[in-house]
Amino acid sequence: MPAKVVLRKGRTGKFTFTLEGPTGQILATSADHPNLRAAKAAIASVQKNLSGASVDDRSASSTVAKKTTTRKAAAPRKAAAKKTTAARKTAAKKTTVRKTAAKKTTARKAAPRKAAAKKTTARKTAAKKTTAARKTAARKTTVRKTAARKTAAKKTTARKTTARKTTARKTTARKAAPRKAAAKRTTVRKAAPRKAAAKKTSARKAAPRKRVTAS
């Protein structure tokens, strides 16, 4: 069974063909062709020129070329790797700088917050102090009011007691005055008969004496 050429259409719409052996092994693969006409023309040229084609062995030179190409490719790769590592380092440095800047900004933001918190705490302490001062002032005023009430109550009780004492004294004086007057009257009444009796007795005793002296 001779070899055969298989023509296919790819997903992109381009045409390719492969040269397959008797066992179905792919011997060669063509490039992509834009249309069916170009693909058929390429197949015809392969069929025409394949019988008299010569073999150009470039295996030895190809290995050297491969080594050189690998060296050439390795050098740019190393340079690219160095560039990528340098770029990564610079990116890492930039990210660290950004992080430090973010930390600074957060520290700056936190500083006003702390200052605001301190101000609020100071306001709260001032409010507490004012409320405490108001409470102490209210307590002082209540103490003063209670003291004034107590003093007023003491004064009123003292006035009441003095008024009661004065009224009691007046009543006792009024009661004692008639008693003294009655006692004086009784003593005067008792003393008047006594004096009259004494005068009569003295006159009776003195009358005979006068008569004796006259004789």
Protein backbone atom coordinates (compact mmCIF):
# COMPACT_ATOMS: atom_id res chain seq x y z
CA MET A 1 0.00 0.00 0.00
CA PRO A 2 1.65 3.25 -1.10
CA ALA A 3 1.77 6.48 0.93
CA LYS A 4 -1.06 8.95 0.73
CA VAL A 5 -1.66 12.67 1.20
CA VAL A 6 -4.44 13.72 3.63
CA LEU A 7 -5.92 17.20 3.26
CA ARG A 8 -7.60 18.80 6.29
CA LYS A 9 -9.24 22.12 7.17
CA GLY A 10 -8.29 23.61 10.52
CA ARG A 11 -10.38 25.51 13.08
CA THR A 12 -9.02 28.81 11.85
CA GLY A 13 -10.25 28.09 8.31
CA LYS A 14 -6.78 27.36 6.87
CA PHE A 15 -5.90 24.16 4.99
CA THR A 16 -3.06 21.71 5.75
CA PHE A 17 -2.04 18.32 4.40
CA THR A 18 0.01 15.43 5.78
CA LEU A 19 1.97 12.64 4.10
CA GLU A 20 1.06 9.33 5.74
CA GLY A 21 2.83 5.96 5.28
CA PRO A 22 1.27 2.54 4.62
CA THR A 23 0.78 1.97 8.33
CA GLY A 24 -0.82 5.37 8.88
CA GLN A 25 2.34 6.96 10.30
CA ILE A 26 2.66 10.69 9.52
CA LEU A 27 5.80 11.18 7.46
CA ALA A 28 5.50 14.92 6.74
CA THR A 29 3.26 17.85 7.56
CA SER A 30 2.76 20.93 5.44
CA ALA A 31 2.36 24.56 6.46
CA ASP A 32 -0.98 26.35 6.70
CA HIS A 33 -2.47 27.47 3.42
CA PRO A 34 -5.06 30.25 3.25
CA ASN A 35 -7.41 28.49 0.81
CA LEU A 36 -8.10 25.16 -0.84
CA ARG A 37 -6.54 26.16 -4.17
CA ALA A 38 -3.17 26.94 -2.57
CA ALA A 39 -3.24 23.69 -0.62
CA LYS A 40 -3.93 21.63 -3.81
CA ALA A 41 -1.14 23.45 -5.66
CA ALA A 42 1.28 22.56 -2.88
CA ILE A 43 0.19 18.93 -2.98
CA ALA A 44 0.76 18.83 -6.78
CA SER A 45 4.26 20.28 -6.44
CA VAL A 46 5.12 17.69 -3.77
CA GLN A 47 3.86 14.84 -5.92
CA LYS A 48 5.84 16.13 -8.91
CA ASN A 49 9.14 16.87 -7.19
CA LEU A 50 9.23 14.15 -4.52
CA SER A 51 10.60 11.40 -6.84
CA GLY A 52 13.77 13.29 -7.77
CA ALA A 53 14.33 15.05 -4.45
CA SER A 54 17.82 14.77 -2.85
CA VAL A 55 18.59 14.39 0.85
CA ASP A 56 20.49 17.22 2.60
CA ASP A 57 21.78 15.92 5.96
CA ARG A 58 22.26 18.78 8.38
CA SER A 59 22.20 16.74 11.54
CA ALA A 60 25.81 17.57 12.63
CA SER A 61 25.55 21.20 11.77
CA SER A 62 22.09 21.22 13.18
CA THR A 63 23.42 20.08 16.58
CA VAL A 64 26.06 22.82 16.53
CA ALA A 65 23.44 25.28 15.42
CA LYS A 66 21.17 24.03 18.13
CA LYS A 67 23.94 24.51 20.71
CA THR A 68 24.65 28.01 19.46
CA THR A 69 20.98 28.78 19.33
CA THR A 70 20.56 27.40 22.82
CA ARG A 71 23.49 29.51 23.99
CA LYS A 72 22.13 32.54 22.21
CA ALA A 73 18.69 31.82 23.60
CA ALA A 74 20.09 31.14 27.09
CA ALA A 75 21.89 34.46 27.22
CA PRO A 76 18.73 36.49 26.53
CA ARG A 77 16.86 34.22 28.87
CA LYS A 78 19.40 34.87 31.61
CA ALA A 79 19.29 38.56 30.86
CA ALA A 80 15.52 38.40 30.85
CA ALA A 81 15.62 36.44 34.09
CA LYS A 82 17.93 39.04 35.57
CA LYS A 83 15.66 41.77 34.32
CA THR A 84 12.65 39.99 35.73
CA THR A 85 14.39 39.46 39.08
CA ALA A 86 15.50 43.10 39.09
CA ALA A 87 12.00 44.15 38.11
CA ARG A 88 10.58 41.93 40.84
CA LYS A 89 13.00 43.40 43.36
CA THR A 90 12.11 46.92 42.28
CA ALA A 91 8.43 45.99 42.40
CA ALA A 92 8.96 44.51 45.86
CA LYS A 93 10.77 47.69 46.90
CA LYS A 94 7.95 49.76 45.46
CA THR A 95 5.42 47.63 47.30
CA THR A 96 7.41 48.01 50.52
CA VAL A 97 7.59 51.75 49.90
CA ARG A 98 3.85 51.75 49.27
CA LYS A 99 3.32 49.75 52.43
CA THR A 100 5.47 52.17 54.43
CA ALA A 101 3.60 55.08 52.84
CA ALA A 102 0.32 53.37 53.68
CA LYS A 103 1.55 52.81 57.24
CA LYS A 104 2.54 56.48 57.45
CA THR A 105 -0.85 57.53 56.11
CA THR A 106 -2.58 55.19 58.54
CA ALA A 107 -0.39 56.57 61.33
CA ARG A 108 -1.29 60.10 60.24
CA LYS A 109 -4.96 59.16 60.13
CA ALA A 110 -4.66 57.43 63.49
CA ALA A 111 -2.99 60.48 65.04
CA PRO A 112 -6.02 62.77 64.42
CA ARG A 113 -8.26 59.95 65.60
CA LYS A 114 -6.22 59.65 68.79
CA ALA A 115 -6.29 63.43 69.20
CA ALA A 116 -10.04 63.43 68.61
CA ALA A 117 -10.41 60.59 71.11
CA LYS A 118 -8.32 62.55 73.62
CA LYS A 119 -10.46 65.62 73.00
CA THR A 120 -13.62 63.60 73.47
CA THR A 121 -12.23 62.09 76.67
CA ALA A 122 -11.24 65.56 77.83
CA ARG A 123 -14.75 66.78 77.03
CA LYS A 124 -16.22 63.85 78.89
CA THR A 125 -13.98 64.53 81.90
CA ALA A 126 -14.90 68.21 81.75
CA ALA A 127 -18.58 67.28 81.58
CA LYS A 128 -18.11 64.91 84.51
CA LYS A 129 -16.33 67.65 86.45
CA THR A 130 -19.09 70.12 85.66
CA THR A 131 -21.75 67.62 86.68
CA ALA A 132 -19.83 66.84 89.85
CA ALA A 133 -19.44 70.56 90.56
CA ARG A 134 -23.15 71.08 89.93
CA LYS A 135 -24.00 68.20 92.23
CA THR A 136 -21.71 69.57 94.95
CA ALA A 137 -23.20 73.04 94.47
CA ALA A 138 -26.69 71.57 94.69
CA ARG A 139 -25.69 69.67 97.81
CA LYS A 140 -24.25 72.84 99.33
CA THR A 141 -27.41 74.76 98.49
CA THR A 142 -29.54 71.99 100.01
CA VAL A 143 -27.34 72.00 103.11
CA ARG A 144 -27.65 75.76 103.30
CA LYS A 145 -31.40 75.54 102.86
CA THR A 146 -31.66 72.87 105.55
CA ALA A 147 -29.42 74.92 107.84
CA ALA A 148 -31.53 78.02 107.20
CA ARG A 149 -34.69 76.01 107.85
CA LYS A 150 -33.23 74.64 111.07
CA THR A 151 -32.15 78.11 112.22
CA ALA A 152 -35.56 79.51 111.27
CA ALA A 153 -37.26 76.67 113.17
CA LYS A 154 -34.97 77.29 116.18
CA LYS A 155 -35.76 81.01 116.07
CA THR A 156 -39.48 80.36 115.82
CA THR A 157 -39.30 77.87 118.71
CA ALA A 158 -37.22 80.35 120.74
CA ARG A 159 -39.73 83.11 120.00
CA LYS A 160 -42.59 80.84 120.96
CA THR A 161 -40.86 79.81 124.20
CA THR A 162 -40.02 83.45 125.04
CA ALA A 163 -43.60 84.49 124.26
CA ARG A 164 -44.90 81.67 126.43
CA LYS A 165 -42.52 82.64 129.25
CA THR A 166 -43.53 86.30 129.03
CA THR A 167 -47.21 85.39 129.04
CA ALA A 168 -46.65 83.08 131.99
CA ARG A 169 -44.80 85.86 133.83
CA LYS A 170 -47.55 88.35 133.07
CA THR A 171 -50.20 85.93 134.26
CA THR A 172 -48.24 85.20 137.45
CA ALA A 173 -47.68 88.92 138.01
CA ARG A 174 -51.35 89.64 137.45
CA LYS A 175 -52.31 86.87 139.86
CA ALA A 176 -49.76 88.00 142.45
CA ALA A 177 -50.76 91.69 142.31
CA PRO A 178 -54.31 91.22 143.70
CA ARG A 179 -52.97 88.85 146.31
CA LYS A 180 -50.43 91.46 147.51
CA ALA A 181 -53.03 94.20 147.47
CA ALA A 182 -55.44 92.04 149.44
CA ALA A 183 -52.67 91.17 151.91
CA LYS A 184 -51.80 94.87 152.32
CA ARG A 185 -55.45 95.73 152.86
CA THR A 186 -55.83 93.02 155.45
CA THR A 187 -52.66 94.12 157.23
CA VAL A 188 -53.84 97.77 157.16
CA ARG A 189 -57.24 96.78 158.47
CA LYS A 190 -55.69 94.68 161.19
CA ALA A 191 -53.19 97.37 162.11
CA ALA A 192 -55.81 100.18 162.29
CA PRO A 193 -57.82 98.69 165.27
CA ARG A 194 -54.58 97.83 167.00
CA LYS A 195 -53.37 101.42 166.73
CA ALA A 196 -56.74 102.76 167.86
CA ALA A 197 -56.77 100.39 170.84
CA ALA A 198 -53.23 101.39 171.73
CA LYS A 199 -54.15 105.04 171.58
CA LYS A 200 -57.20 104.47 173.82
CA THR A 201 -55.15 102.57 176.36
CA SER A 202 -52.46 105.19 176.36
CA ALA A 203 -55.05 107.95 176.78
CA ARG A 204 -56.71 106.09 179.67
CA LYS A 205 -53.38 105.57 181.38
CA ALA A 206 -52.32 109.19 180.91
CA ALA A 207 -55.59 110.74 182.14
CA PRO A 208 -55.20 109.89 185.91
CA ARG A 209 -51.63 110.98 185.94
CA LYS A 210 -52.59 114.40 184.69
CA ARG A 211 -55.20 114.70 187.39
CA VAL A 212 -52.75 113.82 190.15
CA THR A 213 -50.32 116.40 189.10
CA ALA A 214 -52.95 119.08 188.99
CA SER A 215 -53.92 118.57 192.65
